[in-house]
Structures are given as structure tokens and as C-alpha cells.
């Protein structure tokens, strides 16, 4: 069985840290459905009972779901996100050393910064191709670039230093 077959279609992590797999086909077979009403309003149907929910997406993966006075935030990971996390892509820098390291082996496609550039947390510093996908490698902190240790077109191994900060 391949890694993709073992990985659930979606993995949901709630703000309390709990995690659970979600398979839409299984939910549908169990009588659960989510119908879009308009805007960010949906109708959740479960075993014949309905509830109106509001779903706000702050980015591709982060959502907030509220119903009446209850709410929860969650991060939803698809197959790609889960496989990249297994490769270490969710660990983009080495902490106090003020570097951004390659989260996985790949090919540097594009470098978005140069020495002297001020970078904010979340800024895309380079694009790394891995598993035939382009991955934005983002800074996890504010800082000033002191050195770019790679060039576009260069292959890198997992853990290689890509960008250094002052």
C-alpha cells in the first residue's frame, strides 16, 4: 500500500490540538452533508437534522467554523500537506540560528530575496520544487537577510542552509 493510500483525504487539527482524519465519501455514506447556502453560510445535514454553520477561511488551510454561540478554529491538511509534513516541510527553520533550511530535498527554482532585504514573518523567500510541486518557502520570523546560500537551479538536500539572517 502506498503512502497516498494510507493518508486520509483530509486531516483536521483543532485549536485544542486534537487531530482526526476526514473522508468526505465516508461522511456522505454515513448521512452527513454540507450544503452551501450563500457567502460563508452552509447547512450541515447529519442524520436528517440540519444546522446552519458559518465557515471563514483565513487561507488555504486555516478555517473558523461557528454555529450559534459555539466556534472552533482548525487547520485542514490535504494529501499533499500531509506528505510534505512527513518529509519535514513543516519545519522551515532551525530556530535560534536565524537560518531557513531546506525542509525537504528539491530544486531551487526562484530566490525572492537578496542580502540586505528586510523580511517579515510569512514572506516567501524562495520557491523549491519537490515531488514535482512548487513550494513557497517562507520566513518564520522577521529579520534582515545576511546571506543567500543557494542559487536558482541548484539542487538541495533536506536540512541544507538556504538563507541566513543577521
N, C-alpha and C. Protein backbone atom coordinates (compact mmCIF):
# COMPACT_ATOMS: atom_id res chain seq x y z
N UNK A 1 0.85 -1.18 0.00
CA UNK A 1 0.00 0.00 0.00
C UNK A 1 0.90 1.24 0.00
N UNK A 2 0.63 2.21 -0.89
CA UNK A 2 1.45 3.42 -0.98
C UNK A 2 1.11 4.39 0.14
N UNK A 3 2.00 5.41 0.33
CA UNK A 3 1.76 6.43 1.34
C UNK A 3 0.46 7.17 1.08
N UNK A 4 0.14 7.43 -0.19
CA UNK A 4 -1.08 8.16 -0.51
C UNK A 4 -2.30 7.34 -0.09
N UNK A 5 -2.25 6.03 -0.29
CA UNK A 5 -3.39 5.20 0.10
C UNK A 5 -3.55 5.16 1.61
N UNK A 6 -2.49 5.28 2.38
CA UNK A 6 -2.55 5.25 3.84
C UNK A 6 -2.99 6.59 4.41
N UNK A 7 -2.77 7.67 3.67
CA UNK A 7 -3.06 9.01 4.15
C UNK A 7 -4.53 9.32 3.95
N UNK A 8 -5.22 9.82 5.00
CA UNK A 8 -6.63 10.17 4.81
C UNK A 8 -6.74 11.36 3.85
N UNK A 9 -7.89 11.49 3.15
CA UNK A 9 -8.03 12.62 2.23
C UNK A 9 -7.78 13.96 2.92
N UNK A 10 -8.24 14.09 4.16
CA UNK A 10 -8.02 15.32 4.91
C UNK A 10 -7.70 14.96 6.36
N UNK A 11 -6.85 15.78 6.96
CA UNK A 11 -6.55 15.65 8.38
C UNK A 11 -6.87 17.00 9.00
N UNK A 12 -7.75 17.01 9.99
CA UNK A 12 -8.19 18.24 10.63
C UNK A 12 -7.58 18.32 12.02
N UNK A 13 -6.91 19.44 12.29
CA UNK A 13 -6.36 19.67 13.63
C UNK A 13 -7.07 20.88 14.22
N UNK A 14 -7.75 20.66 15.35
CA UNK A 14 -8.47 21.73 16.02
C UNK A 14 -7.54 22.59 16.85
N UNK A 15 -8.03 23.75 17.27
CA UNK A 15 -7.18 24.66 18.04
C UNK A 15 -6.78 24.10 19.40
N UNK A 16 -7.46 23.05 19.88
CA UNK A 16 -7.05 22.43 21.14
C UNK A 16 -5.98 21.35 20.94
N UNK A 17 -5.56 21.16 19.67
CA UNK A 17 -4.51 20.18 19.36
C UNK A 17 -5.02 18.82 18.93
N UNK A 18 -6.32 18.56 19.11
CA UNK A 18 -6.84 17.26 18.71
C UNK A 18 -6.85 17.16 17.18
N UNK A 19 -6.60 15.94 16.70
CA UNK A 19 -6.50 15.70 15.25
C UNK A 19 -7.39 14.52 14.88
N UNK A 20 -8.04 14.63 13.72
CA UNK A 20 -8.81 13.49 13.26
C UNK A 20 -8.88 13.49 11.74
N UNK A 21 -8.88 12.28 11.16
CA UNK A 21 -8.97 12.16 9.70
C UNK A 21 -10.41 12.39 9.23
N UNK A 22 -10.54 12.96 8.04
CA UNK A 22 -11.87 13.18 7.46
C UNK A 22 -11.86 12.65 6.04
N UNK A 23 -12.83 11.79 5.75
CA UNK A 23 -13.01 11.27 4.41
C UNK A 23 -14.43 11.63 3.97
N UNK A 24 -14.56 12.59 3.03
CA UNK A 24 -15.90 13.03 2.61
C UNK A 24 -16.79 11.90 2.13
N UNK A 25 -16.23 10.90 1.45
CA UNK A 25 -17.05 9.78 0.96
C UNK A 25 -17.66 9.00 2.12
N UNK A 26 -16.87 8.79 3.17
CA UNK A 26 -17.37 8.07 4.35
C UNK A 26 -18.45 8.89 5.05
N UNK A 27 -18.21 10.19 5.19
CA UNK A 27 -19.21 11.05 5.84
C UNK A 27 -20.53 11.05 5.08
N UNK A 28 -20.43 11.12 3.75
CA UNK A 28 -21.64 11.11 2.92
C UNK A 28 -22.38 9.78 3.08
N UNK A 29 -21.66 8.69 3.10
CA UNK A 29 -22.28 7.37 3.27
C UNK A 29 -22.94 7.24 4.64
N UNK A 30 -22.42 7.99 5.62
CA UNK A 30 -22.98 7.95 6.98
C UNK A 30 -24.12 8.95 7.17
N UNK A 31 -24.50 9.64 6.09
CA UNK A 31 -25.63 10.57 6.18
C UNK A 31 -25.25 11.99 6.56
N UNK A 32 -24.01 12.38 6.36
CA UNK A 32 -23.57 13.75 6.66
C UNK A 32 -23.28 14.47 5.37
N UNK A 33 -23.78 15.71 5.27
CA UNK A 33 -23.54 16.51 4.06
C UNK A 33 -23.43 17.97 4.46
N UNK A 34 -22.71 18.73 3.65
CA UNK A 34 -22.54 20.16 3.87
C UNK A 34 -22.98 20.86 2.60
N UNK A 35 -24.05 21.65 2.71
CA UNK A 35 -24.62 22.32 1.54
C UNK A 35 -24.36 23.82 1.63
N UNK A 36 -23.88 24.40 0.54
CA UNK A 36 -23.59 25.83 0.51
C UNK A 36 -24.90 26.60 0.37
N UNK A 37 -25.12 27.58 1.25
CA UNK A 37 -26.31 28.43 1.15
C UNK A 37 -25.97 29.68 0.35
N UNK A 38 -25.13 30.54 0.91
CA UNK A 38 -24.61 31.73 0.22
C UNK A 38 -23.50 32.33 1.07
N UNK A 39 -22.57 32.98 0.38
CA UNK A 39 -21.45 33.60 1.10
C UNK A 39 -20.68 32.55 1.87
N UNK A 40 -20.55 32.79 3.19
CA UNK A 40 -19.83 31.85 4.05
C UNK A 40 -20.78 31.00 4.91
N UNK A 41 -22.06 30.96 4.53
CA UNK A 41 -23.06 30.20 5.28
C UNK A 41 -23.32 28.85 4.60
N UNK A 42 -23.38 27.82 5.45
CA UNK A 42 -23.59 26.45 4.97
C UNK A 42 -24.65 25.78 5.83
N UNK A 43 -25.26 24.76 5.29
CA UNK A 43 -26.21 23.95 6.03
C UNK A 43 -25.57 22.58 6.26
N UNK A 44 -25.37 22.22 7.51
CA UNK A 44 -24.81 20.92 7.87
C UNK A 44 -25.98 19.97 8.10
N UNK A 45 -26.01 18.89 7.35
CA UNK A 45 -27.08 17.89 7.46
C UNK A 45 -26.45 16.62 8.01
N UNK A 46 -26.98 16.15 9.14
CA UNK A 46 -26.45 14.93 9.74
C UNK A 46 -27.63 14.12 10.26
N UNK A 47 -27.79 12.92 9.70
CA UNK A 47 -28.87 12.02 10.11
C UNK A 47 -30.24 12.71 10.10
N UNK A 48 -30.49 13.52 9.07
CA UNK A 48 -31.78 14.18 8.92
C UNK A 48 -31.93 15.48 9.68
N UNK A 49 -30.99 15.81 10.57
CA UNK A 49 -31.06 17.06 11.32
C UNK A 49 -30.19 18.10 10.64
N UNK A 50 -30.63 19.36 10.66
CA UNK A 50 -29.88 20.42 9.99
C UNK A 50 -29.45 21.49 10.97
N UNK A 51 -28.29 22.07 10.68
CA UNK A 51 -27.73 23.16 11.47
C UNK A 51 -27.05 24.13 10.52
N UNK A 52 -27.29 25.43 10.71
CA UNK A 52 -26.61 26.43 9.90
C UNK A 52 -25.25 26.72 10.53
N UNK A 53 -24.21 26.69 9.71
CA UNK A 53 -22.86 26.99 10.19
C UNK A 53 -22.24 28.08 9.32
N UNK A 54 -21.32 28.82 9.91
CA UNK A 54 -20.58 29.85 9.19
C UNK A 54 -19.13 29.39 9.13
N UNK A 55 -18.57 29.35 7.93
CA UNK A 55 -17.19 28.91 7.75
C UNK A 55 -16.40 30.08 7.17
N UNK A 56 -15.37 30.50 7.90
CA UNK A 56 -14.48 31.57 7.45
C UNK A 56 -13.12 30.96 7.16
N UNK A 57 -12.58 31.23 5.99
CA UNK A 57 -11.25 30.73 5.65
C UNK A 57 -10.27 31.90 5.69
N UNK A 58 -9.20 31.76 6.48
CA UNK A 58 -8.20 32.82 6.53
C UNK A 58 -7.10 32.58 5.50
N UNK A 59 -6.94 31.35 5.06
CA UNK A 59 -6.03 30.99 3.97
C UNK A 59 -6.45 29.63 3.45
N UNK A 60 -5.61 29.02 2.64
CA UNK A 60 -5.96 27.75 2.01
C UNK A 60 -6.23 26.64 3.02
N UNK A 61 -5.63 26.71 4.20
CA UNK A 61 -5.74 25.61 5.15
C UNK A 61 -6.44 25.97 6.45
N UNK A 62 -6.44 27.23 6.85
CA UNK A 62 -6.96 27.63 8.16
C UNK A 62 -8.41 28.09 8.05
N UNK A 63 -9.26 27.50 8.90
CA UNK A 63 -10.68 27.87 8.88
C UNK A 63 -11.19 28.08 10.30
N UNK A 64 -12.26 28.85 10.38
CA UNK A 64 -13.03 29.00 11.61
C UNK A 64 -14.44 28.58 11.30
N UNK A 65 -15.01 27.76 12.16
CA UNK A 65 -16.38 27.28 11.97
C UNK A 65 -17.17 27.68 13.20
N UNK A 66 -18.32 28.34 12.97
CA UNK A 66 -19.15 28.74 14.11
C UNK A 66 -20.60 28.33 13.86
N UNK A 67 -21.26 28.01 14.95
CA UNK A 67 -22.64 27.59 14.94
C UNK A 67 -23.27 28.14 16.22
N UNK A 68 -24.28 28.99 16.09
CA UNK A 68 -24.89 29.66 17.24
C UNK A 68 -23.78 30.39 18.01
N UNK A 69 -23.58 30.06 19.27
CA UNK A 69 -22.56 30.76 20.06
C UNK A 69 -21.27 29.95 20.19
N UNK A 70 -21.18 28.83 19.50
CA UNK A 70 -20.00 27.98 19.58
C UNK A 70 -19.13 28.18 18.34
N UNK A 71 -17.82 28.08 18.53
CA UNK A 71 -16.91 28.20 17.41
C UNK A 71 -15.64 27.43 17.64
N UNK A 72 -14.97 27.11 16.56
CA UNK A 72 -13.71 26.39 16.63
C UNK A 72 -12.86 26.81 15.43
N UNK A 73 -11.55 26.86 15.65
CA UNK A 73 -10.65 27.09 14.52
C UNK A 73 -9.92 25.78 14.25
N UNK A 74 -9.56 25.60 12.99
CA UNK A 74 -8.92 24.34 12.60
C UNK A 74 -7.98 24.58 11.44
N UNK A 75 -7.02 23.66 11.31
CA UNK A 75 -6.15 23.62 10.15
C UNK A 75 -6.47 22.33 9.42
N UNK A 76 -6.80 22.45 8.14
CA UNK A 76 -7.17 21.30 7.33
C UNK A 76 -6.02 20.98 6.37
N UNK A 77 -5.51 19.77 6.47
CA UNK A 77 -4.39 19.34 5.62
C UNK A 77 -4.89 18.30 4.63
N UNK A 78 -4.58 18.52 3.34
CA UNK A 78 -4.93 17.52 2.34
C UNK A 78 -3.76 16.54 2.18
N UNK A 79 -3.86 15.61 1.20
CA UNK A 79 -2.80 14.61 0.98
C UNK A 79 -1.44 15.28 0.83
N UNK A 80 -1.37 16.31 0.00
CA UNK A 80 -0.10 16.98 -0.28
C UNK A 80 0.50 17.56 1.00
N UNK A 81 -0.32 18.27 1.78
CA UNK A 81 0.15 18.85 3.03
C UNK A 81 0.69 17.79 3.98
N UNK A 82 -0.02 16.67 4.06
CA UNK A 82 0.38 15.60 4.97
C UNK A 82 1.69 14.96 4.53
N UNK A 83 1.84 14.73 3.21
CA UNK A 83 3.08 14.14 2.71
C UNK A 83 4.26 15.08 2.89
N UNK A 84 4.05 16.38 2.67
CA UNK A 84 5.12 17.36 2.87
C UNK A 84 5.51 17.43 4.35
N UNK A 85 4.54 17.35 5.24
CA UNK A 85 4.84 17.34 6.67
C UNK A 85 5.65 16.10 7.04
N UNK A 86 5.31 14.95 6.43
CA UNK A 86 6.08 13.72 6.68
C UNK A 86 7.53 13.88 6.25
N UNK A 87 7.76 14.71 5.21
CA UNK A 87 9.13 14.97 4.73
C UNK A 87 9.83 16.05 5.55
N UNK A 88 9.10 16.68 6.48
CA UNK A 88 9.69 17.71 7.30
C UNK A 88 9.46 19.11 6.78
N UNK A 89 8.57 19.29 5.82
CA UNK A 89 8.34 20.62 5.24
C UNK A 89 7.68 21.59 6.21
N UNK A 90 7.13 21.10 7.31
CA UNK A 90 6.52 21.99 8.28
C UNK A 90 7.54 22.54 9.27
N UNK A 91 8.81 22.22 9.07
CA UNK A 91 9.88 22.71 9.94
C UNK A 91 10.87 23.49 9.08
N UNK A 92 10.53 24.75 8.81
CA UNK A 92 11.27 25.52 7.82
C UNK A 92 12.53 26.20 8.31
N UNK A 93 12.77 26.32 9.60
CA UNK A 93 14.00 26.97 10.04
C UNK A 93 14.50 26.32 11.30
N UNK A 94 15.73 26.62 11.63
CA UNK A 94 16.35 25.91 12.75
C UNK A 94 16.39 26.74 14.03
N UNK A 95 15.37 27.60 14.22
CA UNK A 95 15.21 28.29 15.50
C UNK A 95 16.16 29.44 15.71
N UNK A 96 16.95 29.37 16.79
CA UNK A 96 17.78 30.49 17.22
C UNK A 96 18.94 30.76 16.29
N UNK A 97 19.26 29.87 15.39
CA UNK A 97 20.39 30.08 14.49
C UNK A 97 20.10 31.10 13.41
N UNK A 98 18.83 31.51 13.29
CA UNK A 98 18.42 32.53 12.33
C UNK A 98 18.73 32.13 10.89
N UNK A 99 18.41 30.90 10.56
CA UNK A 99 18.55 30.42 9.19
C UNK A 99 17.24 29.81 8.74
N UNK A 100 17.09 29.74 7.44
CA UNK A 100 15.99 28.96 6.87
C UNK A 100 16.65 27.81 6.14
N UNK A 101 16.29 26.61 6.55
CA UNK A 101 16.88 25.39 6.00
C UNK A 101 15.90 24.74 5.03
N UNK A 102 16.41 23.93 4.14
CA UNK A 102 15.56 23.20 3.20
C UNK A 102 14.73 22.19 3.99
N UNK A 103 13.41 22.27 3.89
CA UNK A 103 12.56 21.35 4.64
C UNK A 103 12.51 19.96 4.01
N UNK A 104 13.00 19.86 2.76
CA UNK A 104 12.97 18.60 2.02
C UNK A 104 13.98 18.71 0.89
N UNK A 105 14.38 17.60 0.31
CA UNK A 105 15.26 17.70 -0.86
C UNK A 105 14.47 18.28 -2.03
N UNK A 106 15.15 19.02 -2.90
CA UNK A 106 14.47 19.59 -4.05
C UNK A 106 15.38 20.44 -4.90
N UNK A 107 14.77 21.18 -5.80
CA UNK A 107 15.49 22.04 -6.72
C UNK A 107 15.03 23.48 -6.49
N UNK A 108 15.99 24.39 -6.25
CA UNK A 108 15.65 25.79 -6.05
C UNK A 108 15.24 26.37 -7.40
N UNK A 109 14.00 26.85 -7.50
CA UNK A 109 13.51 27.40 -8.75
C UNK A 109 13.69 28.91 -8.82
N UNK A 110 13.43 29.58 -7.69
CA UNK A 110 13.44 31.04 -7.69
C UNK A 110 13.82 31.54 -6.30
N UNK A 111 14.64 32.59 -6.26
CA UNK A 111 15.01 33.22 -5.00
C UNK A 111 14.37 34.60 -4.98
N UNK A 112 13.63 34.89 -3.92
CA UNK A 112 12.85 36.13 -3.83
C UNK A 112 13.52 37.21 -2.98
N UNK A 113 14.68 36.92 -2.37
CA UNK A 113 15.34 37.89 -1.50
C UNK A 113 16.82 37.97 -1.85
N UNK A 114 17.47 39.03 -1.34
CA UNK A 114 18.91 39.19 -1.50
C UNK A 114 19.46 39.74 -0.20
N UNK A 115 20.78 39.65 0.03
CA UNK A 115 21.35 40.20 1.25
C UNK A 115 20.97 41.67 1.41
N UNK A 116 20.61 42.01 2.64
CA UNK A 116 20.19 43.37 2.96
C UNK A 116 18.69 43.56 2.97
N UNK A 117 17.94 42.62 2.39
CA UNK A 117 16.48 42.74 2.36
C UNK A 117 15.90 42.52 3.75
N UNK A 118 14.96 43.38 4.14
CA UNK A 118 14.20 43.19 5.38
C UNK A 118 13.06 42.24 5.06
N UNK A 119 12.91 41.20 5.86
CA UNK A 119 11.91 40.16 5.62
C UNK A 119 10.99 40.07 6.83
N UNK A 120 9.71 39.99 6.58
CA UNK A 120 8.72 39.81 7.63
C UNK A 120 8.34 38.33 7.74
N UNK A 121 7.86 37.94 8.89
CA UNK A 121 7.36 36.59 9.11
C UNK A 121 6.31 36.28 8.05
N UNK A 122 6.43 35.15 7.36
CA UNK A 122 5.47 34.75 6.36
C UNK A 122 5.84 35.15 4.94
N UNK A 123 6.92 35.91 4.77
CA UNK A 123 7.36 36.32 3.44
C UNK A 123 7.97 35.13 2.70
N UNK A 124 7.59 34.96 1.44
CA UNK A 124 8.17 33.90 0.62
C UNK A 124 9.60 34.29 0.26
N UNK A 125 10.58 33.50 0.70
CA UNK A 125 11.99 33.81 0.43
C UNK A 125 12.51 33.08 -0.80
N UNK A 126 11.92 31.90 -1.10
CA UNK A 126 12.31 31.20 -2.32
C UNK A 126 11.27 30.15 -2.66
N UNK A 127 11.39 29.63 -3.88
CA UNK A 127 10.50 28.58 -4.35
C UNK A 127 11.35 27.33 -4.56
N UNK A 128 10.91 26.23 -3.94
CA UNK A 128 11.63 24.96 -4.00
C UNK A 128 10.72 23.93 -4.67
N UNK A 129 11.23 23.30 -5.73
CA UNK A 129 10.46 22.24 -6.38
C UNK A 129 10.80 20.92 -5.72
N UNK A 130 9.77 20.24 -5.26
CA UNK A 130 9.95 18.91 -4.65
C UNK A 130 8.71 18.09 -4.97
N UNK A 131 8.89 16.84 -5.26
CA UNK A 131 7.78 15.95 -5.58
C UNK A 131 6.96 16.52 -6.74
N UNK A 132 7.63 17.17 -7.70
CA UNK A 132 7.01 17.76 -8.89
C UNK A 132 6.02 18.86 -8.54
N UNK A 133 6.19 19.49 -7.36
CA UNK A 133 5.34 20.60 -6.95
C UNK A 133 6.21 21.78 -6.56
N UNK A 134 5.73 22.98 -6.83
CA UNK A 134 6.43 24.18 -6.41
C UNK A 134 5.97 24.54 -4.99
N UNK A 135 6.94 24.72 -4.09
CA UNK A 135 6.64 25.00 -2.70
C UNK A 135 7.25 26.33 -2.31
N UNK A 136 6.41 27.26 -1.85
CA UNK A 136 6.92 28.53 -1.34
C UNK A 136 7.56 28.27 0.02
N UNK A 137 8.81 28.63 0.16
CA UNK A 137 9.49 28.52 1.45
C UNK A 137 9.41 29.91 2.07
N UNK A 138 8.77 29.99 3.23
CA UNK A 138 8.50 31.28 3.85
C UNK A 138 9.31 31.46 5.13
N UNK A 139 9.63 32.70 5.40
CA UNK A 139 10.32 33.03 6.64
C UNK A 139 9.37 32.82 7.81
N UNK A 140 9.90 32.31 8.90
CA UNK A 140 9.09 32.12 10.10
C UNK A 140 9.40 33.17 11.15
N UNK A 141 10.09 34.22 10.73
CA UNK A 141 10.42 35.31 11.66
C UNK A 141 10.76 36.56 10.86
N UNK A 142 10.77 37.72 11.55
CA UNK A 142 11.22 38.97 10.95
C UNK A 142 12.74 39.02 11.01
N UNK A 143 13.37 39.64 10.02
CA UNK A 143 14.82 39.78 10.06
C UNK A 143 15.36 40.40 8.79
N UNK A 144 16.67 40.57 8.76
CA UNK A 144 17.36 41.11 7.59
C UNK A 144 18.25 40.01 7.03
N UNK A 145 18.13 39.77 5.73
CA UNK A 145 18.90 38.71 5.08
C UNK A 145 20.38 39.08 5.09
N UNK A 146 21.22 38.19 5.62
CA UNK A 146 22.66 38.43 5.60
C UNK A 146 23.33 37.66 4.47
N UNK A 147 22.76 36.51 4.08
CA UNK A 147 23.37 35.72 3.01
C UNK A 147 22.33 34.79 2.39
N UNK A 148 22.44 34.61 1.08
CA UNK A 148 21.66 33.61 0.37
C UNK A 148 22.66 32.53 -0.03
N UNK A 149 22.48 31.34 0.48
CA UNK A 149 23.47 30.26 0.31
C UNK A 149 23.21 29.35 -0.88
N UNK A 150 22.17 29.63 -1.67
CA UNK A 150 21.85 28.80 -2.83
C UNK A 150 21.60 29.69 -4.04
N UNK A 151 21.56 29.06 -5.21
CA UNK A 151 21.25 29.76 -6.46
C UNK A 151 20.08 29.07 -7.13
N UNK A 152 19.36 29.81 -7.95
CA UNK A 152 18.28 29.21 -8.73
C UNK A 152 18.86 28.11 -9.62
N UNK A 153 18.17 27.00 -9.70
CA UNK A 153 18.63 25.86 -10.50
C UNK A 153 19.48 24.87 -9.72
N UNK A 154 19.79 25.19 -8.48
CA UNK A 154 20.66 24.33 -7.65
C UNK A 154 19.83 23.30 -6.88
N UNK A 155 20.23 22.02 -6.92
CA UNK A 155 19.55 21.02 -6.09
C UNK A 155 20.03 21.16 -4.64
N UNK A 156 19.13 20.89 -3.68
CA UNK A 156 19.49 20.95 -2.27
C UNK A 156 19.01 19.69 -1.56
N UNK A 157 19.67 19.36 -0.48
CA UNK A 157 19.26 18.24 0.35
C UNK A 157 18.46 18.76 1.54
N UNK A 158 17.70 17.90 2.17
CA UNK A 158 16.95 18.28 3.36
C UNK A 158 17.92 18.78 4.42
N UNK A 159 17.60 19.92 5.01
CA UNK A 159 18.43 20.49 6.06
C UNK A 159 19.51 21.45 5.57
N UNK A 160 19.71 21.56 4.26
CA UNK A 160 20.70 22.49 3.73
C UNK A 160 20.31 23.93 4.08
N UNK A 161 21.29 24.75 4.46
CA UNK A 161 21.01 26.15 4.76
C UNK A 161 20.73 26.89 3.47
N UNK A 162 19.57 27.55 3.41
CA UNK A 162 19.17 28.29 2.22
C UNK A 162 19.42 29.79 2.38
N UNK A 163 18.93 30.33 3.50
CA UNK A 163 19.01 31.77 3.75
C UNK A 163 19.51 31.97 5.18
N UNK A 164 20.42 32.95 5.38
CA UNK A 164 20.89 33.33 6.71
C UNK A 164 20.43 34.73 7.02
N UNK A 165 20.17 34.99 8.29
CA UNK A 165 19.71 36.31 8.74
C UNK A 165 20.69 36.89 9.75
N UNK A 166 20.71 38.23 9.82
CA UNK A 166 21.59 38.93 10.78
C UNK A 166 21.12 38.68 12.19
